[in-house]
Amino acid sequence: MTLAGVLIPETKKAEIRSELSQLAKEFGKHDLHCNKLNHNQIVKLAQRISRMKIMLFGVISLKETLKGYADDINNNDKYYYNKNAQYLLERVAHFMELHSLTENQLSVVFEEGNFDYQKLRSLLSLCVRNPLKPATRRLAGRVNPSAIRACPKNGDPLLQLADVVAHALYRLVDDSPSTYEVKETRYISEMKARFFSEKDTGEIVGYGIFPVHYLRDIKADADVERFLRELRSK
């Protein structure tokens, strides 16, 4: 599973919506969801994203990595999604901590799907009350579980930004027969400057991209693991 989030300044939302709308018209599309775009169109969209004043975050997860938790949830896909959403929001909270931002400055919107968002809010509320890890402690005061909402897929063009990031991460680690062992690094490479990263080194893994729980755990092949290990935002 890959999940992605995009942090967008309120002052830039209208401008970015307009840019996405113009690009969709250029492509002759109603929207920019990746399942409707060809390779070159996704590359061009990624290049546009690289110039936007936004911050990208992503999670790459294998269900088996959750080990005991997977047993606790009886391998329920919806709970699995919620757990990875928690990890995603912890990355956002880390960025907010470094920039002294509070929950009053953050609006969290998920793309509406066949998931239980009330259970997600409950999970996050539990994490805030009883954080078990340092990353989870960052949620308190930075992510308000009760303020999380879901929006229909076509309800806001800004959701398309998270869609392309999640797609790029999925294509990076996809090892299905249809890939013919070709690893798609181009999309992430084009957007790397926009990923949350370590301030001095520009390192992205562990900051803007979180392989759950460690890079080795996602069982990517050697070339992809090396790509991610060496990935820098600058």
C-alpha atoms as a PDB file:
ATOM      1  CA  MET A   1       0.000   0.000   0.000  1.00  0.00           C
ATOM      2  CA  THR A   2       1.151   3.533  -0.746  1.00  0.00           C
ATOM      3  CA  LEU A   3      -0.456   6.640   0.738  1.00  0.00           C
ATOM      4  CA  ALA A   4       0.437  10.256   0.124  1.00  0.00           C
ATOM      5  CA  GLY A   5      -0.334  13.652   1.547  1.00  0.00           C
ATOM      6  CA  VAL A   6       0.321  17.158   0.296  1.00  0.00           C
ATOM      7  CA  LEU A   7       0.647  20.183   2.545  1.00  0.00           C
ATOM      8  CA  ILE A   8      -0.655  23.256   0.725  1.00  0.00           C
ATOM      9  CA  PRO A   9      -0.566  26.842   2.044  1.00  0.00           C
ATOM     10  CA  GLU A  10      -4.036  28.346   2.175  1.00  0.00           C
ATOM     11  CA  THR A  11      -2.811  31.313   0.120  1.00  0.00           C
ATOM     12  CA  LYS A  12      -1.762  29.007  -2.749  1.00  0.00           C
ATOM     13  CA  LYS A  13      -4.880  26.845  -3.071  1.00  0.00           C
ATOM     14  CA  ALA A  14      -6.727  28.918  -5.689  1.00  0.00           C
ATOM     15  CA  GLU A  15      -3.593  29.345  -7.795  1.00  0.00           C
ATOM     16  CA  ILE A  16      -2.820  25.615  -7.742  1.00  0.00           C
ATOM     17  CA  ARG A  17      -6.418  24.635  -8.517  1.00  0.00           C
ATOM     18  CA  SER A  18      -6.265  26.907 -11.551  1.00  0.00           C
ATOM     19  CA  GLU A  19      -2.944  25.446 -12.692  1.00  0.00           C
ATOM     20  CA  LEU A  20      -4.276  21.894 -12.405  1.00  0.00           C
ATOM     21  CA  SER A  21      -7.408  22.835 -14.339  1.00  0.00           C
ATOM     22  CA  GLN A  22      -5.342  24.373 -17.139  1.00  0.00           C
ATOM     23  CA  LEU A  23      -3.094  21.319 -17.348  1.00  0.00           C
ATOM     24  CA  ALA A  24      -6.118  19.000 -17.539  1.00  0.00           C
ATOM     25  CA  LYS A  25      -7.434  21.042 -20.466  1.00  0.00           C
ATOM     26  CA  GLU A  26      -4.041  20.837 -22.138  1.00  0.00           C
ATOM     27  CA  PHE A  27      -4.156  17.050 -21.812  1.00  0.00           C
ATOM     28  CA  GLY A  28      -7.779  16.922 -23.005  1.00  0.00           C
ATOM     29  CA  LYS A  29      -8.860  15.375 -19.682  1.00  0.00           C
ATOM     30  CA  HIS A  30     -11.597  16.125 -17.179  1.00  0.00           C
ATOM     31  CA  ASP A  31      -9.144  15.642 -14.326  1.00  0.00           C
ATOM     32  CA  LEU A  32      -5.569  14.574 -13.611  1.00  0.00           C
ATOM     33  CA  HIS A  33      -6.042  11.292 -11.779  1.00  0.00           C
ATOM     34  CA  CYS A  34      -3.181   9.049 -12.863  1.00  0.00           C
ATOM     35  CA  ASN A  35      -5.354   6.180 -14.082  1.00  0.00           C
ATOM     36  CA  LYS A  36      -6.397   8.505 -16.926  1.00  0.00           C
ATOM     37  CA  LEU A  37      -2.909   9.748 -17.857  1.00  0.00           C
ATOM     38  CA  ASN A  38      -0.119   8.287 -19.949  1.00  0.00           C
ATOM     39  CA  HIS A  39       3.531   8.213 -18.904  1.00  0.00           C
ATOM     40  CA  ASN A  40       4.528  11.539 -20.466  1.00  0.00           C
ATOM     41  CA  GLN A  41       1.511  13.304 -18.988  1.00  0.00           C
ATOM     42  CA  ILE A  42       2.389  12.029 -15.503  1.00  0.00           C
ATOM     43  CA  VAL A  43       5.984  13.186 -15.969  1.00  0.00           C
ATOM     44  CA  LYS A  44       4.806  16.647 -16.989  1.00  0.00           C
ATOM     45  CA  LEU A  45       2.429  16.789 -14.004  1.00  0.00           C
ATOM     46  CA  ALA A  46       5.307  15.760 -11.720  1.00  0.00           C
ATOM     47  CA  GLN A  47       7.465  18.519 -13.218  1.00  0.00           C
ATOM     48  CA  ARG A  48       4.737  21.064 -12.494  1.00  0.00           C
ATOM     49  CA  ILE A  49       4.433  19.793  -8.934  1.00  0.00           C
ATOM     50  CA  SER A  50       8.181  20.227  -8.462  1.00  0.00           C
ATOM     51  CA  ARG A  51       7.708  23.976  -8.939  1.00  0.00           C
ATOM     52  CA  MET A  52       4.722  24.396  -6.640  1.00  0.00           C
ATOM     53  CA  LYS A  53       5.049  25.825  -3.138  1.00  0.00           C
ATOM     54  CA  ILE A  54       3.851  22.646  -1.440  1.00  0.00           C
ATOM     55  CA  MET A  55       5.300  19.852   0.711  1.00  0.00           C
ATOM     56  CA  LEU A  56       4.962  16.153  -0.114  1.00  0.00           C
ATOM     57  CA  PHE A  57       4.705  13.156   2.218  1.00  0.00           C
ATOM     58  CA  GLY A  58       4.313   9.456   1.531  1.00  0.00           C
ATOM     59  CA  VAL A  59       4.112   6.030   3.138  1.00  0.00           C
ATOM     60  CA  ILE A  60       5.075   2.674   1.628  1.00  0.00           C
ATOM     61  CA  SER A  61       3.850  -0.352   3.542  1.00  0.00           C
ATOM     62  CA  LEU A  62       3.627  -4.134   3.371  1.00  0.00           C
ATOM     63  CA  LYS A  63       0.859  -5.645   5.484  1.00  0.00           C
ATOM     64  CA  GLU A  64       3.226  -8.281   6.865  1.00  0.00           C
ATOM     65  CA  THR A  65       5.395  -5.488   8.304  1.00  0.00           C
ATOM     66  CA  LEU A  66       2.666  -4.736  10.851  1.00  0.00           C
ATOM     67  CA  LYS A  67       3.188  -8.196  12.361  1.00  0.00           C
ATOM     68  CA  GLY A  68       1.306  -8.349  15.675  1.00  0.00           C
ATOM     69  CA  TYR A  69      -0.918  -5.426  14.746  1.00  0.00           C
ATOM     70  CA  ALA A  70      -2.094  -7.284  11.644  1.00  0.00           C
ATOM     71  CA  ASP A  71      -3.250 -10.114  13.901  1.00  0.00           C
ATOM     72  CA  ASP A  72      -4.948  -7.655  16.254  1.00  0.00           C
ATOM     73  CA  ILE A  73      -7.012  -6.232  13.411  1.00  0.00           C
ATOM     74  CA  ASN A  74      -7.682  -9.655  11.826  1.00  0.00           C
ATOM     75  CA  ASN A  75      -5.980  -8.403   8.651  1.00  0.00           C
ATOM     76  CA  ASN A  76      -8.846  -5.944   8.129  1.00  0.00           C
ATOM     77  CA  ASP A  77      -7.961  -3.764   5.120  1.00  0.00           C
ATOM     78  CA  LYS A  78      -9.784  -0.737   6.505  1.00  0.00           C
ATOM     79  CA  TYR A  79      -7.856  -0.856   9.777  1.00  0.00           C
ATOM     80  CA  TYR A  80      -4.658  -1.391   7.809  1.00  0.00           C
ATOM     81  CA  TYR A  81      -5.433   1.778   5.842  1.00  0.00           C
ATOM     82  CA  ASN A  82      -6.069   3.684   9.067  1.00  0.00           C
ATOM     83  CA  LYS A  83      -2.764   2.589  10.575  1.00  0.00           C
ATOM     84  CA  ASN A  84      -0.867   3.783   7.523  1.00  0.00           C
ATOM     85  CA  ALA A  85      -2.834   7.038   7.578  1.00  0.00           C
ATOM     86  CA  GLN A  86      -1.565   7.471  11.144  1.00  0.00           C
ATOM     87  CA  TYR A  87       2.012   7.025   9.938  1.00  0.00           C
ATOM     88  CA  LEU A  88       1.404   9.553   7.165  1.00  0.00           C
ATOM     89  CA  LEU A  89       0.033  12.153   9.561  1.00  0.00           C
ATOM     90  CA  GLU A  90       2.986  11.587  11.887  1.00  0.00           C
ATOM     91  CA  ARG A  91       5.274  12.732   9.037  1.00  0.00           C
ATOM     92  CA  VAL A  92       3.151  15.839   8.598  1.00  0.00           C
ATOM     93  CA  ALA A  93       3.247  16.468  12.352  1.00  0.00           C
ATOM     94  CA  HIS A  94       7.055  16.229  12.295  1.00  0.00           C
ATOM     95  CA  PHE A  95       7.196  18.977   9.661  1.00  0.00           C
ATOM     96  CA  MET A  96       4.763  21.068  11.704  1.00  0.00           C
ATOM     97  CA  GLU A  97       6.841  20.618  14.843  1.00  0.00           C
ATOM     98  CA  LEU A  98       9.956  21.887  13.062  1.00  0.00           C
ATOM     99  CA  HIS A  99       8.043  24.930  11.799  1.00  0.00           C
ATOM    100  CA  SER A 100       6.130  25.677  15.025  1.00  0.00           C
ATOM    101  CA  LEU A 101       2.723  25.051  13.414  1.00  0.00           C
ATOM    102  CA  THR A 102      -0.345  24.047  15.425  1.00  0.00           C
ATOM    103  CA  GLU A 103      -3.518  22.064  14.732  1.00  0.00           C
ATOM    104  CA  ASN A 104      -5.402  25.334  14.251  1.00  0.00           C
ATOM    105  CA  GLN A 105      -3.308  25.914  11.138  1.00  0.00           C
ATOM    106  CA  LEU A 106      -3.966  22.483   9.611  1.00  0.00           C
ATOM    107  CA  SER A 107      -7.004  21.206   7.737  1.00  0.00           C
ATOM    108  CA  VAL A 108      -6.856  17.467   6.980  1.00  0.00           C
ATOM    109  CA  VAL A 109      -8.885  16.211   4.024  1.00  0.00           C
ATOM    110  CA  PHE A 110      -8.886  12.582   2.844  1.00  0.00           C
ATOM    111  CA  GLU A 111     -10.159  11.416  -0.500  1.00  0.00           C
ATOM    112  CA  GLU A 112     -13.459   9.689   0.234  1.00  0.00           C
ATOM    113  CA  GLY A 113     -13.372   5.940  -0.271  1.00  0.00           C
ATOM    114  CA  ASN A 114     -14.633   2.702   1.183  1.00  0.00           C
ATOM    115  CA  PHE A 115     -13.027   3.370   4.558  1.00  0.00           C
ATOM    116  CA  ASP A 116     -14.267   4.090   8.067  1.00  0.00           C
ATOM    117  CA  TYR A 117     -13.135   7.625   8.825  1.00  0.00           C
ATOM    118  CA  GLN A 118     -14.759   7.633  12.246  1.00  0.00           C
ATOM    119  CA  LYS A 119     -12.552   4.709  13.226  1.00  0.00           C
ATOM    120  CA  LEU A 120      -9.586   6.635  11.844  1.00  0.00           C
ATOM    121  CA  ARG A 121     -10.498   9.581  14.057  1.00  0.00           C
ATOM    122  CA  SER A 122     -10.822   7.206  17.010  1.00  0.00           C
ATOM    123  CA  LEU A 123      -7.425   5.646  16.306  1.00  0.00           C
ATOM    124  CA  LEU A 124      -5.775   9.052  16.105  1.00  0.00           C
ATOM    125  CA  SER A 125      -7.522  10.215  19.280  1.00  0.00           C
ATOM    126  CA  LEU A 126      -6.115   7.172  21.082  1.00  0.00           C
ATOM    127  CA  CYS A 127      -2.661   7.959  19.677  1.00  0.00           C
ATOM    128  CA  VAL A 128      -2.891  11.527  20.959  1.00  0.00           C
ATOM    129  CA  ARG A 129      -3.994  10.394  24.432  1.00  0.00           C
ATOM    130  CA  ASN A 130      -1.563   7.505  24.732  1.00  0.00           C
ATOM    131  CA  PRO A 131       1.366   7.853  22.305  1.00  0.00           C
ATOM    132  CA  LEU A 132       3.643   4.810  22.286  1.00  0.00           C
ATOM    133  CA  LYS A 133       6.410   6.142  20.063  1.00  0.00           C
ATOM    134  CA  PRO A 134       8.215   9.508  19.687  1.00  0.00           C
ATOM    135  CA  ALA A 135       6.740  10.021  16.198  1.00  0.00           C
ATOM    136  CA  THR A 136       3.226   9.503  17.588  1.00  0.00           C
ATOM    137  CA  ARG A 137       3.769  12.075  20.343  1.00  0.00           C
ATOM    138  CA  ARG A 138       4.092  14.739  17.662  1.00  0.00           C
ATOM    139  CA  LEU A 139       0.401  14.400  16.761  1.00  0.00           C
ATOM    140  CA  ALA A 140      -0.785  16.128  19.949  1.00  0.00           C
ATOM    141  CA  GLY A 141      -1.502  19.786  19.314  1.00  0.00           C
ATOM    142  CA  ARG A 142      -0.695  19.429  15.616  1.00  0.00           C
ATOM    143  CA  VAL A 143      -3.348  17.089  14.193  1.00  0.00           C
ATOM    144  CA  ASN A 144      -6.892  17.377  15.536  1.00  0.00           C
ATOM    145  CA  PRO A 145      -8.607  13.995  14.913  1.00  0.00           C
ATOM    146  CA  SER A 146     -12.119  15.415  15.204  1.00  0.00           C
ATOM    147  CA  ALA A 147     -11.420  17.937  12.433  1.00  0.00           C
ATOM    148  CA  ILE A 148     -10.490  15.299   9.836  1.00  0.00           C
ATOM    149  CA  ARG A 149     -12.955  15.101   6.964  1.00  0.00           C
ATOM    150  CA  ALA A 150     -13.387  13.180   3.726  1.00  0.00           C
ATOM    151  CA  CYS A 151     -14.085  14.713   0.331  1.00  0.00           C
ATOM    152  CA  PRO A 152     -15.396  12.957  -2.813  1.00  0.00           C
ATOM    153  CA  LYS A 153     -12.723  12.084  -5.377  1.00  0.00           C
ATOM    154  CA  ASN A 154     -13.796  14.867  -7.710  1.00  0.00           C
ATOM    155  CA  GLY A 155     -14.748  17.247  -4.904  1.00  0.00           C
ATOM    156  CA  ASP A 156     -11.495  19.205  -4.986  1.00  0.00           C
ATOM    157  CA  PRO A 157      -8.782  19.189  -7.702  1.00  0.00           C
ATOM    158  CA  LEU A 158      -6.147  19.448  -4.963  1.00  0.00           C
ATOM    159  CA  LEU A 159      -6.759  15.765  -4.136  1.00  0.00           C
ATOM    160  CA  GLN A 160      -5.158  14.989  -7.494  1.00  0.00           C
ATOM    161  CA  LEU A 161      -1.791  16.047  -6.077  1.00  0.00           C
ATOM    162  CA  ALA A 162      -1.870  13.323  -3.438  1.00  0.00           C
ATOM    163  CA  ASP A 163      -3.048  10.875  -6.108  1.00  0.00           C
ATOM    164  CA  VAL A 164       0.024  11.421  -8.284  1.00  0.00           C
ATOM    165  CA  VAL A 165       2.420  11.128  -5.330  1.00  0.00           C
ATOM    166  CA  ALA A 166       0.807   7.872  -4.152  1.00  0.00           C
ATOM    167  CA  HIS A 167       0.873   6.582  -7.744  1.00  0.00           C
ATOM    168  CA  ALA A 168       4.543   7.511  -8.121  1.00  0.00           C
ATOM    169  CA  LEU A 169       5.450   5.640  -4.930  1.00  0.00           C
ATOM    170  CA  TYR A 170       3.436   2.607  -6.006  1.00  0.00           C
ATOM    171  CA  ARG A 171       5.049   2.493  -9.434  1.00  0.00           C
ATOM    172  CA  LEU A 172       8.455   2.783  -7.807  1.00  0.00           C
ATOM    173  CA  VAL A 173       8.027  -0.428  -5.785  1.00  0.00           C
ATOM    174  CA  ASP A 174       5.648  -2.306  -8.102  1.00  0.00           C
ATOM    175  CA  ASP A 175       7.147  -5.699  -8.914  1.00  0.00           C
ATOM    176  CA  SER A 176       4.154  -7.243 -10.689  1.00  0.00           C
ATOM    177  CA  PRO A 177       4.808  -9.196 -13.929  1.00  0.00           C
ATOM    178  CA  SER A 178       3.349  -6.355 -16.016  1.00  0.00           C
ATOM    179  CA  THR A 179       6.340  -4.143 -15.148  1.00  0.00           C
ATOM    180  CA  TYR A 180       8.779  -6.525 -16.889  1.00  0.00           C
ATOM    181  CA  GLU A 181      11.188  -5.722 -14.032  1.00  0.00           C
ATOM    182  CA  VAL A 182      11.381  -2.056 -15.092  1.00  0.00           C
ATOM    183  CA  LYS A 183      11.396   0.176 -12.006  1.00  0.00           C
ATOM    184  CA  GLU A 184       9.717   3.554 -12.453  1.00  0.00           C
ATOM    185  CA  THR A 185      11.940   6.092 -10.687  1.00  0.00           C
ATOM    186  CA  ARG A 186      11.229   9.042 -12.972  1.00  0.00           C
ATOM    187  CA  TYR A 187       8.108  10.344 -11.224  1.00  0.00           C
ATOM    188  CA  ILE A 188       9.687  10.482  -7.769  1.00  0.00           C
ATOM    189  CA  SER A 189      12.895  11.935  -9.210  1.00  0.00           C
ATOM    190  CA  GLU A 190      10.947  14.782 -10.802  1.00  0.00           C
ATOM    191  CA  MET A 191       9.194  15.628  -7.517  1.00  0.00           C
ATOM    192  CA  LYS A 192      12.029  15.026  -5.052  1.00  0.00           C
ATOM    193  CA  ALA A 193      12.610  18.733  -4.354  1.00  0.00           C
ATOM    194  CA  ARG A 194       9.135  19.000  -2.866  1.00  0.00           C
ATOM    195  CA  PHE A 195       9.403  16.135  -0.374  1.00  0.00           C
ATOM    196  CA  PHE A 196       9.874  16.898   3.310  1.00  0.00           C
ATOM    197  CA  SER A 197      13.532  16.180   4.038  1.00  0.00           C
ATOM    198  CA  GLU A 198      16.268  16.486   6.631  1.00  0.00           C
ATOM    199  CA  LYS A 199      17.347  20.129   6.670  1.00  0.00           C
ATOM    200  CA  ASP A 200      21.096  19.673   6.273  1.00  0.00           C
ATOM    201  CA  THR A 201      21.479  16.497   4.220  1.00  0.00           C
ATOM    202  CA  GLY A 202      18.286  16.661   2.156  1.00  0.00           C
ATOM    203  CA  GLU A 203      17.624  13.004   3.052  1.00  0.00           C
ATOM    204  CA  ILE A 204      14.010  12.089   2.249  1.00  0.00           C
ATOM    205  CA  VAL A 205      13.531   8.531   3.551  1.00  0.00           C
ATOM    206  CA  GLY A 206      12.476   8.730   7.185  1.00  0.00           C
ATOM    207  CA  TYR A 207      11.139  12.240   6.640  1.00  0.00           C
ATOM    208  CA  GLY A 208       8.961  12.823   3.577  1.00  0.00           C
ATOM    209  CA  ILE A 209       8.870   9.144   2.629  1.00  0.00           C
ATOM    210  CA  PHE A 210       8.298   6.587   5.377  1.00  0.00           C
ATOM    211  CA  PRO A 211       8.858   2.914   4.548  1.00  0.00           C
ATOM    212  CA  VAL A 212       7.032   1.060   7.315  1.00  0.00           C
ATOM    213  CA  HIS A 213       8.935   0.547   9.565  1.00  0.00           C
ATOM    214  CA  TYR A 214      12.342   0.466   7.910  1.00  0.00           C
ATOM    215  CA  LEU A 215      13.523   0.548   4.322  1.00  0.00           C
ATOM    216  CA  ARG A 216      14.408  -3.155   4.408  1.00  0.00           C
ATOM    217  CA  ASP A 217      10.860  -3.989   5.529  1.00  0.00           C
ATOM    218  CA  ILE A 218       9.207  -3.036   2.248  1.00  0.00           C
ATOM    219  CA  LYS A 219      11.324  -5.686   0.478  1.00  0.00           C
ATOM    220  CA  ALA A 220      12.075  -3.533  -2.536  1.00  0.00           C
ATOM    221  CA  ASP A 221      14.627  -4.912  -4.949  1.00  0.00           C
ATOM    222  CA  ALA A 222      18.242  -3.780  -4.582  1.00  0.00           C
ATOM    223  CA  ASP A 223      18.060  -1.003  -7.197  1.00  0.00           C
ATOM    224  CA  VAL A 224      14.931   0.559  -5.687  1.00  0.00           C
ATOM    225  CA  GLU A 225      16.293   0.296  -2.158  1.00  0.00           C
ATOM    226  CA  ARG A 226      19.480   2.026  -3.298  1.00  0.00           C
ATOM    227  CA  PHE A 227      17.450   4.710  -5.095  1.00  0.00           C
ATOM    228  CA  LEU A 228      15.465   5.475  -1.957  1.00  0.00           C
ATOM    229  CA  ARG A 229      18.493   5.343   0.321  1.00  0.00           C
ATOM    230  CA  GLU A 230      20.313   7.858  -1.863  1.00  0.00           C
ATOM    231  CA  LEU A 231      17.265  10.047  -2.577  1.00  0.00           C
ATOM    232  CA  ARG A 232      17.867  13.672  -1.627  1.00  0.00           C
ATOM    233  CA  SER A 233      15.706  16.745  -2.070  1.00  0.00           C
ATOM    234  CA  LYS A 234      18.693  18.817  -3.154  1.00  0.00           C
END
